[in-house]
């Protein structure tokens, strides 16, 4: 951070260090992606945290993330966070970033879904938070994948209100499962690391653990769901009239 050994960088020097234009640095600061500089008179001075944040922005944009995705990662980073801390924040959040919303008119949405979308279905989708009607009549689709799956189920002849009610219950169970995995990581790897004072040489181990949580949790959830689905189907077949 800014100190006697690091008196700070002007915005021109900061931009030069990260290979950006001053205009871009100002634009990112205007979006709240950088904390305010320390003032010396009328001159703003920037430090290692600003360098770390700008480097992260560059890396994520170069890898194809949108600026909105970058904003969601940096929104959770506390002030004063180090480069290692930012890397951990990114590792924690980027695997779970939601899809980028799409904006479509109703005709395009119906063509993509393969089913007509009447006012009742549109209201249900809006109540579920899957789509947001915009003032110009178009629709912002919050999760294109979730919407596509839901509409495909509706196309099978299942009433839309039943699909919406079922998805709401599924979302509740998914949220509970997510909390279990987060608590598992927090109560073991992170708590031990924090209790040790977050030693710098342990950052790589913690980041590696974070990066492995996502695929392991996803695989475990899918395997568990497959087992549970098979058991549920078996139970249903035992109860309902047999297939002839």
C-alpha atoms as a PDB file:
ATOM      1  CA  UNK A   1       0.000   0.000   0.000  1.00  0.00           C
ATOM      2  CA  UNK A   2       1.033   3.666  -0.151  1.00  0.00           C
ATOM      3  CA  UNK A   3       3.832   4.187   2.345  1.00  0.00           C
ATOM      4  CA  UNK A   4       7.190   5.846   2.833  1.00  0.00           C
ATOM      5  CA  UNK A   5       8.704   3.164   0.632  1.00  0.00           C
ATOM      6  CA  UNK A   6       5.919   3.469  -1.918  1.00  0.00           C
ATOM      7  CA  UNK A   7       4.934   7.154  -2.073  1.00  0.00           C
ATOM      8  CA  UNK A   8       2.264   6.480  -4.673  1.00  0.00           C
ATOM      9  CA  UNK A   9       1.712   6.754  -8.406  1.00  0.00           C
ATOM     10  CA  UNK A  10       0.044   9.502 -10.357  1.00  0.00           C
ATOM     11  CA  UNK A  11      -2.741   8.387 -12.655  1.00  0.00           C
ATOM     12  CA  UNK A  12      -0.394   8.716 -15.644  1.00  0.00           C
ATOM     13  CA  UNK A  13       2.210   6.508 -13.964  1.00  0.00           C
ATOM     14  CA  UNK A  14      -0.473   4.033 -12.881  1.00  0.00           C
ATOM     15  CA  UNK A  15      -1.821   3.760 -16.423  1.00  0.00           C
ATOM     16  CA  UNK A  16       1.687   3.261 -17.782  1.00  0.00           C
ATOM     17  CA  UNK A  17       2.435   0.500 -15.239  1.00  0.00           C
ATOM     18  CA  UNK A  18      -0.570  -1.564 -16.322  1.00  0.00           C
ATOM     19  CA  UNK A  19      -0.465  -0.659 -20.010  1.00  0.00           C
ATOM     20  CA  UNK A  20      -3.779   1.183 -20.085  1.00  0.00           C
ATOM     21  CA  UNK A  21      -4.820   4.619 -21.165  1.00  0.00           C
ATOM     22  CA  UNK A  22      -5.573   7.221 -18.531  1.00  0.00           C
ATOM     23  CA  UNK A  23      -9.047   7.406 -20.015  1.00  0.00           C
ATOM     24  CA  UNK A  24      -9.653   3.717 -19.281  1.00  0.00           C
ATOM     25  CA  UNK A  25      -8.365   4.062 -15.735  1.00  0.00           C
ATOM     26  CA  UNK A  26     -10.736   6.974 -15.156  1.00  0.00           C
ATOM     27  CA  UNK A  27     -13.608   4.987 -16.676  1.00  0.00           C
ATOM     28  CA  UNK A  28     -12.994   2.029 -14.345  1.00  0.00           C
ATOM     29  CA  UNK A  29     -12.735   4.374 -11.373  1.00  0.00           C
ATOM     30  CA  UNK A  30     -16.013   5.984 -12.425  1.00  0.00           C
ATOM     31  CA  UNK A  31     -17.700   2.561 -12.366  1.00  0.00           C
ATOM     32  CA  UNK A  32     -16.529   2.013  -8.795  1.00  0.00           C
ATOM     33  CA  UNK A  33     -13.944  -0.620  -9.696  1.00  0.00           C
ATOM     34  CA  UNK A  34     -11.137   1.330  -8.018  1.00  0.00           C
ATOM     35  CA  UNK A  35     -11.112   2.918  -4.567  1.00  0.00           C
ATOM     36  CA  UNK A  36     -10.428   6.661  -4.444  1.00  0.00           C
ATOM     37  CA  UNK A  37      -6.752   7.676  -4.571  1.00  0.00           C
ATOM     38  CA  UNK A  38      -4.923   9.291  -1.692  1.00  0.00           C
ATOM     39  CA  UNK A  39      -4.716  13.018  -2.244  1.00  0.00           C
ATOM     40  CA  UNK A  40      -1.496  14.988  -1.972  1.00  0.00           C
ATOM     41  CA  UNK A  41      -2.627  18.506  -2.538  1.00  0.00           C
ATOM     42  CA  UNK A  42      -4.690  18.256  -5.705  1.00  0.00           C
ATOM     43  CA  UNK A  43      -2.847  15.215  -7.014  1.00  0.00           C
ATOM     44  CA  UNK A  44      -4.316  11.742  -6.620  1.00  0.00           C
ATOM     45  CA  UNK A  45      -1.840   9.018  -5.707  1.00  0.00           C
ATOM     46  CA  UNK A  46      -2.431   5.345  -6.400  1.00  0.00           C
ATOM     47  CA  UNK A  47      -0.872   2.264  -4.823  1.00  0.00           C
ATOM     48  CA  UNK A  48      -0.525  -1.516  -5.053  1.00  0.00           C
ATOM     49  CA  UNK A  49      -4.223  -2.129  -4.521  1.00  0.00           C
ATOM     50  CA  UNK A  50      -5.067  -0.035  -7.575  1.00  0.00           C
ATOM     51  CA  UNK A  51      -2.406  -1.906  -9.554  1.00  0.00           C
ATOM     52  CA  UNK A  52      -3.822  -5.257  -8.420  1.00  0.00           C
ATOM     53  CA  UNK A  53      -7.381  -4.307  -9.334  1.00  0.00           C
ATOM     54  CA  UNK A  54      -6.433  -2.996 -12.759  1.00  0.00           C
ATOM     55  CA  UNK A  55      -4.345  -6.106 -13.432  1.00  0.00           C
ATOM     56  CA  UNK A  56      -7.322  -8.290 -12.506  1.00  0.00           C
ATOM     57  CA  UNK A  57      -9.582  -6.261 -14.818  1.00  0.00           C
ATOM     58  CA  UNK A  58      -7.128  -6.739 -17.671  1.00  0.00           C
ATOM     59  CA  UNK A  59      -6.809 -10.469 -17.072  1.00  0.00           C
ATOM     60  CA  UNK A  60     -10.536 -11.125 -16.890  1.00  0.00           C
ATOM     61  CA  UNK A  61     -11.361  -9.025 -19.953  1.00  0.00           C
ATOM     62  CA  UNK A  62      -8.592 -10.763 -21.902  1.00  0.00           C
ATOM     63  CA  UNK A  63     -10.102 -14.127 -20.960  1.00  0.00           C
ATOM     64  CA  UNK A  64     -13.483 -13.125 -22.349  1.00  0.00           C
ATOM     65  CA  UNK A  65     -15.309 -12.037 -19.209  1.00  0.00           C
ATOM     66  CA  UNK A  66     -17.579  -9.041 -19.581  1.00  0.00           C
ATOM     67  CA  UNK A  67     -17.102  -5.882 -17.597  1.00  0.00           C
ATOM     68  CA  UNK A  68     -20.283  -6.745 -15.709  1.00  0.00           C
ATOM     69  CA  UNK A  69     -18.659  -9.998 -14.573  1.00  0.00           C
ATOM     70  CA  UNK A  70     -15.571  -8.096 -13.458  1.00  0.00           C
ATOM     71  CA  UNK A  71     -17.770  -5.726 -11.489  1.00  0.00           C
ATOM     72  CA  UNK A  72     -19.452  -8.628  -9.697  1.00  0.00           C
ATOM     73  CA  UNK A  73     -16.072 -10.001  -8.608  1.00  0.00           C
ATOM     74  CA  UNK A  74     -14.682  -6.654  -7.453  1.00  0.00           C
ATOM     75  CA  UNK A  75     -17.921  -5.729  -5.674  1.00  0.00           C
ATOM     76  CA  UNK A  76     -17.082  -8.353  -3.029  1.00  0.00           C
ATOM     77  CA  UNK A  77     -13.427  -7.374  -2.606  1.00  0.00           C
ATOM     78  CA  UNK A  78     -12.778  -5.281   0.526  1.00  0.00           C
ATOM     79  CA  UNK A  79     -10.725  -2.118   0.419  1.00  0.00           C
ATOM     80  CA  UNK A  80      -7.043  -2.700   1.049  1.00  0.00           C
ATOM     81  CA  UNK A  81      -7.121  -6.189  -0.452  1.00  0.00           C
ATOM     82  CA  UNK A  82      -3.785  -7.488  -1.708  1.00  0.00           C
ATOM     83  CA  UNK A  83      -3.076  -9.000  -5.116  1.00  0.00           C
ATOM     84  CA  UNK A  84      -3.205 -12.465  -3.531  1.00  0.00           C
ATOM     85  CA  UNK A  85      -6.509 -11.616  -1.908  1.00  0.00           C
ATOM     86  CA  UNK A  86      -7.948 -10.456  -5.224  1.00  0.00           C
ATOM     87  CA  UNK A  87      -6.814 -13.683  -6.861  1.00  0.00           C
ATOM     88  CA  UNK A  88      -8.644 -15.632  -4.170  1.00  0.00           C
ATOM     89  CA  UNK A  89     -11.793 -13.533  -4.624  1.00  0.00           C
ATOM     90  CA  UNK A  90     -11.678 -14.255  -8.323  1.00  0.00           C
ATOM     91  CA  UNK A  91     -11.159 -17.985  -7.762  1.00  0.00           C
ATOM     92  CA  UNK A  92     -14.094 -18.010  -5.350  1.00  0.00           C
ATOM     93  CA  UNK A  93     -16.532 -16.143  -7.546  1.00  0.00           C
ATOM     94  CA  UNK A  94     -15.808 -16.644 -11.233  1.00  0.00           C
ATOM     95  CA  UNK A  95     -16.908 -20.316 -11.423  1.00  0.00           C
ATOM     96  CA  UNK A  96     -20.286 -19.262 -10.012  1.00  0.00           C
ATOM     97  CA  UNK A  97     -20.903 -16.096 -11.986  1.00  0.00           C
ATOM     98  CA  UNK A  98     -24.414 -16.122 -13.445  1.00  0.00           C
ATOM     99  CA  UNK A  99     -24.998 -16.117 -17.169  1.00  0.00           C
ATOM    100  CA  UNK A 100     -25.005 -12.830 -18.971  1.00  0.00           C
ATOM    101  CA  UNK A 101     -28.628 -11.705 -19.451  1.00  0.00           C
ATOM    102  CA  UNK A 102     -30.028 -11.444 -22.955  1.00  0.00           C
ATOM    103  CA  UNK A 103     -32.530  -8.909 -24.242  1.00  0.00           C
ATOM    104  CA  UNK A 104     -35.051 -10.276 -26.733  1.00  0.00           C
ATOM    105  CA  UNK A 105     -38.409  -9.312 -28.152  1.00  0.00           C
ATOM    106  CA  UNK A 106     -41.247 -11.737 -27.593  1.00  0.00           C
ATOM    107  CA  UNK A 107     -41.145 -13.138 -31.127  1.00  0.00           C
ATOM    108  CA  UNK A 108     -37.454 -14.000 -30.782  1.00  0.00           C
ATOM    109  CA  UNK A 109     -38.063 -15.530 -27.372  1.00  0.00           C
ATOM    110  CA  UNK A 110     -40.933 -17.660 -28.675  1.00  0.00           C
ATOM    111  CA  UNK A 111     -38.825 -18.794 -31.639  1.00  0.00           C
ATOM    112  CA  UNK A 112     -35.991 -19.803 -29.352  1.00  0.00           C
ATOM    113  CA  UNK A 113     -38.276 -21.517 -26.851  1.00  0.00           C
ATOM    114  CA  UNK A 114     -40.382 -23.317 -29.434  1.00  0.00           C
ATOM    115  CA  UNK A 115     -43.608 -22.530 -27.583  1.00  0.00           C
ATOM    116  CA  UNK A 116     -45.997 -19.553 -27.622  1.00  0.00           C
ATOM    117  CA  UNK A 117     -45.660 -17.210 -24.661  1.00  0.00           C
ATOM    118  CA  UNK A 118     -48.977 -15.750 -23.561  1.00  0.00           C
ATOM    119  CA  UNK A 119     -49.487 -13.087 -20.901  1.00  0.00           C
ATOM    120  CA  UNK A 120     -50.131 -15.647 -18.170  1.00  0.00           C
ATOM    121  CA  UNK A 121     -46.890 -17.485 -18.832  1.00  0.00           C
ATOM    122  CA  UNK A 122     -44.991 -14.223 -19.127  1.00  0.00           C
ATOM    123  CA  UNK A 123     -46.333 -13.107 -15.744  1.00  0.00           C
ATOM    124  CA  UNK A 124     -45.285 -16.399 -14.169  1.00  0.00           C
ATOM    125  CA  UNK A 125     -41.796 -16.113 -15.638  1.00  0.00           C
ATOM    126  CA  UNK A 126     -41.516 -12.543 -14.386  1.00  0.00           C
ATOM    127  CA  UNK A 127     -42.692 -13.567 -10.895  1.00  0.00           C
ATOM    128  CA  UNK A 128     -40.024 -16.272 -10.854  1.00  0.00           C
ATOM    129  CA  UNK A 129     -37.392 -13.683 -11.794  1.00  0.00           C
ATOM    130  CA  UNK A 130     -36.421 -15.452 -15.006  1.00  0.00           C
ATOM    131  CA  UNK A 131     -37.406 -12.548 -17.252  1.00  0.00           C
ATOM    132  CA  UNK A 132     -37.787  -8.830 -16.631  1.00  0.00           C
ATOM    133  CA  UNK A 133     -40.154  -6.870 -18.907  1.00  0.00           C
ATOM    134  CA  UNK A 134     -38.491  -3.698 -20.171  1.00  0.00           C
ATOM    135  CA  UNK A 135     -40.226  -0.360 -20.843  1.00  0.00           C
ATOM    136  CA  UNK A 136     -39.756  -0.743 -24.617  1.00  0.00           C
ATOM    137  CA  UNK A 137     -41.671  -4.046 -24.638  1.00  0.00           C
ATOM    138  CA  UNK A 138     -38.628  -6.289 -24.906  1.00  0.00           C
ATOM    139  CA  UNK A 139     -37.694  -8.869 -22.288  1.00  0.00           C
ATOM    140  CA  UNK A 140     -34.463  -9.198 -20.341  1.00  0.00           C
ATOM    141  CA  UNK A 141     -33.776 -12.897 -19.872  1.00  0.00           C
ATOM    142  CA  UNK A 142     -31.822 -13.274 -16.631  1.00  0.00           C
ATOM    143  CA  UNK A 143     -30.822 -16.917 -17.220  1.00  0.00           C
ATOM    144  CA  UNK A 144     -31.243 -18.047 -20.834  1.00  0.00           C
ATOM    145  CA  UNK A 145     -30.408 -21.656 -19.903  1.00  0.00           C
ATOM    146  CA  UNK A 146     -32.973 -21.808 -17.089  1.00  0.00           C
ATOM    147  CA  UNK A 147     -35.643 -20.198 -19.258  1.00  0.00           C
ATOM    148  CA  UNK A 148     -34.975 -22.593 -22.132  1.00  0.00           C
ATOM    149  CA  UNK A 149     -35.215 -25.600 -19.828  1.00  0.00           C
ATOM    150  CA  UNK A 150     -38.419 -24.348 -18.227  1.00  0.00           C
ATOM    151  CA  UNK A 151     -40.120 -23.638 -21.536  1.00  0.00           C
ATOM    152  CA  UNK A 152     -39.117 -27.052 -22.871  1.00  0.00           C
ATOM    153  CA  UNK A 153     -40.862 -28.624 -19.894  1.00  0.00           C
ATOM    154  CA  UNK A 154     -43.953 -26.504 -20.603  1.00  0.00           C
ATOM    155  CA  UNK A 155     -43.849 -27.730 -24.214  1.00  0.00           C
ATOM    156  CA  UNK A 156     -44.240 -31.295 -22.892  1.00  0.00           C
ATOM    157  CA  UNK A 157     -47.735 -30.381 -21.743  1.00  0.00           C
ATOM    158  CA  UNK A 158     -47.006 -29.655 -18.084  1.00  0.00           C
ATOM    159  CA  UNK A 159     -48.939 -26.589 -16.850  1.00  0.00           C
ATOM    160  CA  UNK A 160     -46.690 -23.516 -16.562  1.00  0.00           C
ATOM    161  CA  UNK A 161     -47.777 -22.806 -12.998  1.00  0.00           C
ATOM    162  CA  UNK A 162     -46.634 -26.284 -11.945  1.00  0.00           C
ATOM    163  CA  UNK A 163     -43.270 -25.750 -13.656  1.00  0.00           C
ATOM    164  CA  UNK A 164     -42.807 -22.418 -11.872  1.00  0.00           C
ATOM    165  CA  UNK A 165     -43.792 -23.842  -8.478  1.00  0.00           C
ATOM    166  CA  UNK A 166     -41.445 -26.792  -8.944  1.00  0.00           C
ATOM    167  CA  UNK A 167     -38.544 -24.553  -9.970  1.00  0.00           C
ATOM    168  CA  UNK A 168     -39.059 -22.395  -6.901  1.00  0.00           C
ATOM    169  CA  UNK A 169     -38.735 -25.459  -4.676  1.00  0.00           C
ATOM    170  CA  UNK A 170     -35.695 -26.696  -6.615  1.00  0.00           C
ATOM    171  CA  UNK A 171     -34.053 -23.278  -6.200  1.00  0.00           C
ATOM    172  CA  UNK A 172     -34.581 -23.476  -2.436  1.00  0.00           C
ATOM    173  CA  UNK A 173     -32.911 -26.899  -2.262  1.00  0.00           C
ATOM    174  CA  UNK A 174     -30.055 -25.723  -4.481  1.00  0.00           C
ATOM    175  CA  UNK A 175     -29.473 -22.712  -2.222  1.00  0.00           C
ATOM    176  CA  UNK A 176     -29.358 -24.986   0.820  1.00  0.00           C
ATOM    177  CA  UNK A 177     -26.840 -27.311  -0.861  1.00  0.00           C
ATOM    178  CA  UNK A 178     -24.678 -24.358  -1.877  1.00  0.00           C
ATOM    179  CA  UNK A 179     -24.613 -23.098   1.703  1.00  0.00           C
ATOM    180  CA  UNK A 180     -23.448 -26.524   2.897  1.00  0.00           C
ATOM    181  CA  UNK A 181     -20.445 -26.521   0.554  1.00  0.00           C
ATOM    182  CA  UNK A 182     -19.539 -22.924   1.372  1.00  0.00           C
ATOM    183  CA  UNK A 183     -19.756 -23.630   5.089  1.00  0.00           C
ATOM    184  CA  UNK A 184     -17.610 -26.743   4.646  1.00  0.00           C
ATOM    185  CA  UNK A 185     -14.846 -24.702   2.999  1.00  0.00           C
ATOM    186  CA  UNK A 186     -15.173 -21.811   5.440  1.00  0.00           C
ATOM    187  CA  UNK A 187     -15.128 -24.019   8.556  1.00  0.00           C
ATOM    188  CA  UNK A 188     -12.077 -26.010   7.451  1.00  0.00           C
ATOM    189  CA  UNK A 189      -9.626 -24.581   4.916  1.00  0.00           C
ATOM    190  CA  UNK A 190     -10.425 -20.900   5.410  1.00  0.00           C
ATOM    191  CA  UNK A 191     -10.750 -20.916   9.197  1.00  0.00           C
ATOM    192  CA  UNK A 192      -7.405 -22.677   9.583  1.00  0.00           C
ATOM    193  CA  UNK A 193      -5.774 -20.211   7.175  1.00  0.00           C
ATOM    194  CA  UNK A 194      -7.322 -17.189   8.930  1.00  0.00           C
ATOM    195  CA  UNK A 195      -6.330 -18.476  12.370  1.00  0.00           C
ATOM    196  CA  UNK A 196      -2.722 -18.681  11.178  1.00  0.00           C
ATOM    197  CA  UNK A 197      -2.841 -14.999  10.203  1.00  0.00           C
ATOM    198  CA  UNK A 198      -3.227 -15.596   6.451  1.00  0.00           C
ATOM    199  CA  UNK A 199       0.488 -16.338   5.889  1.00  0.00           C
ATOM    200  CA  UNK A 200       1.577 -15.319   2.379  1.00  0.00           C
ATOM    201  CA  UNK A 201       3.153 -18.697   1.613  1.00  0.00           C
ATOM    202  CA  UNK A 202      -0.218 -20.390   2.202  1.00  0.00           C
ATOM    203  CA  UNK A 203      -2.166 -18.316  -0.358  1.00  0.00           C
ATOM    204  CA  UNK A 204      -1.408 -20.726  -3.253  1.00  0.00           C
ATOM    205  CA  UNK A 205      -2.700 -23.701  -1.235  1.00  0.00           C
ATOM    206  CA  UNK A 206      -5.913 -21.890  -0.329  1.00  0.00           C
ATOM    207  CA  UNK A 207      -6.462 -20.708  -3.893  1.00  0.00           C
ATOM    208  CA  UNK A 208      -5.917 -24.224  -5.199  1.00  0.00           C
ATOM    209  CA  UNK A 209      -8.494 -25.522  -2.726  1.00  0.00           C
ATOM    210  CA  UNK A 210     -10.958 -22.861  -3.871  1.00  0.00           C
ATOM    211  CA  UNK A 211     -10.448 -23.751  -7.528  1.00  0.00           C
ATOM    212  CA  UNK A 212     -11.130 -27.412  -6.783  1.00  0.00           C
ATOM    213  CA  UNK A 213     -14.319 -26.781  -4.797  1.00  0.00           C
ATOM    214  CA  UNK A 214     -16.372 -25.901  -7.891  1.00  0.00           C
ATOM    215  CA  UNK A 215     -15.791 -29.049  -9.974  1.00  0.00           C
ATOM    216  CA  UNK A 216     -15.906 -31.341  -6.940  1.00  0.00           C
ATOM    217  CA  UNK A 217     -19.148 -29.819  -5.670  1.00  0.00           C
ATOM    218  CA  UNK A 218     -20.717 -29.937  -9.143  1.00  0.00           C
ATOM    219  CA  UNK A 219     -19.750 -33.575  -9.667  1.00  0.00           C
ATOM    220  CA  UNK A 220     -21.019 -34.559  -6.225  1.00  0.00           C
ATOM    221  CA  UNK A 221     -24.316 -32.743  -6.775  1.00  0.00           C
ATOM    222  CA  UNK A 222     -24.863 -34.353 -10.184  1.00  0.00           C
ATOM    223  CA  UNK A 223     -24.018 -37.837  -8.898  1.00  0.00           C
ATOM    224  CA  UNK A 224     -26.296 -37.379  -5.896  1.00  0.00           C
ATOM    225  CA  UNK A 225     -29.122 -36.113  -8.111  1.00  0.00           C
ATOM    226  CA  UNK A 226     -28.823 -39.091 -10.456  1.00  0.00           C
ATOM    227  CA  UNK A 227     -29.053 -41.523  -7.539  1.00  0.00           C
ATOM    228  CA  UNK A 228     -31.978 -39.643  -5.996  1.00  0.00           C
ATOM    229  CA  UNK A 229     -33.765 -39.410  -9.357  1.00  0.00           C
ATOM    230  CA  UNK A 230     -33.451 -43.164  -9.904  1.00  0.00           C
ATOM    231  CA  UNK A 231     -34.787 -43.879  -6.436  1.00  0.00           C
ATOM    232  CA  UNK A 232     -37.683 -41.450  -6.952  1.00  0.00           C
ATOM    233  CA  UNK A 233     -38.602 -43.063 -10.290  1.00  0.00           C
ATOM    234  CA  UNK A 234     -38.498 -46.540  -8.744  1.00  0.00           C
ATOM    235  CA  UNK A 235     -40.741 -45.400  -5.914  1.00  0.00           C
ATOM    236  CA  UNK A 236     -43.182 -43.773  -8.322  1.00  0.00           C
ATOM    237  CA  UNK A 237     -43.385 -46.921 -10.462  1.00  0.00           C
ATOM    238  CA  UNK A 238     -44.163 -48.995  -7.366  1.00  0.00           C
ATOM    239  CA  UNK A 239     -47.023 -46.671  -6.389  1.00  0.00           C
ATOM    240  CA  UNK A 240     -48.670 -45.766  -9.687  1.00  0.00           C
ATOM    241  CA  UNK A 241     -50.473 -48.098 -12.101  1.00  0.00           C
ATOM    242  CA  UNK A 242     -47.907 -50.172 -14.014  1.00  0.00           C
ATOM    243  CA  UNK A 243     -46.866 -49.294 -17.557  1.00  0.00           C
ATOM    244  CA  UNK A 244     -48.536 -51.744 -19.983  1.00  0.00           C
END
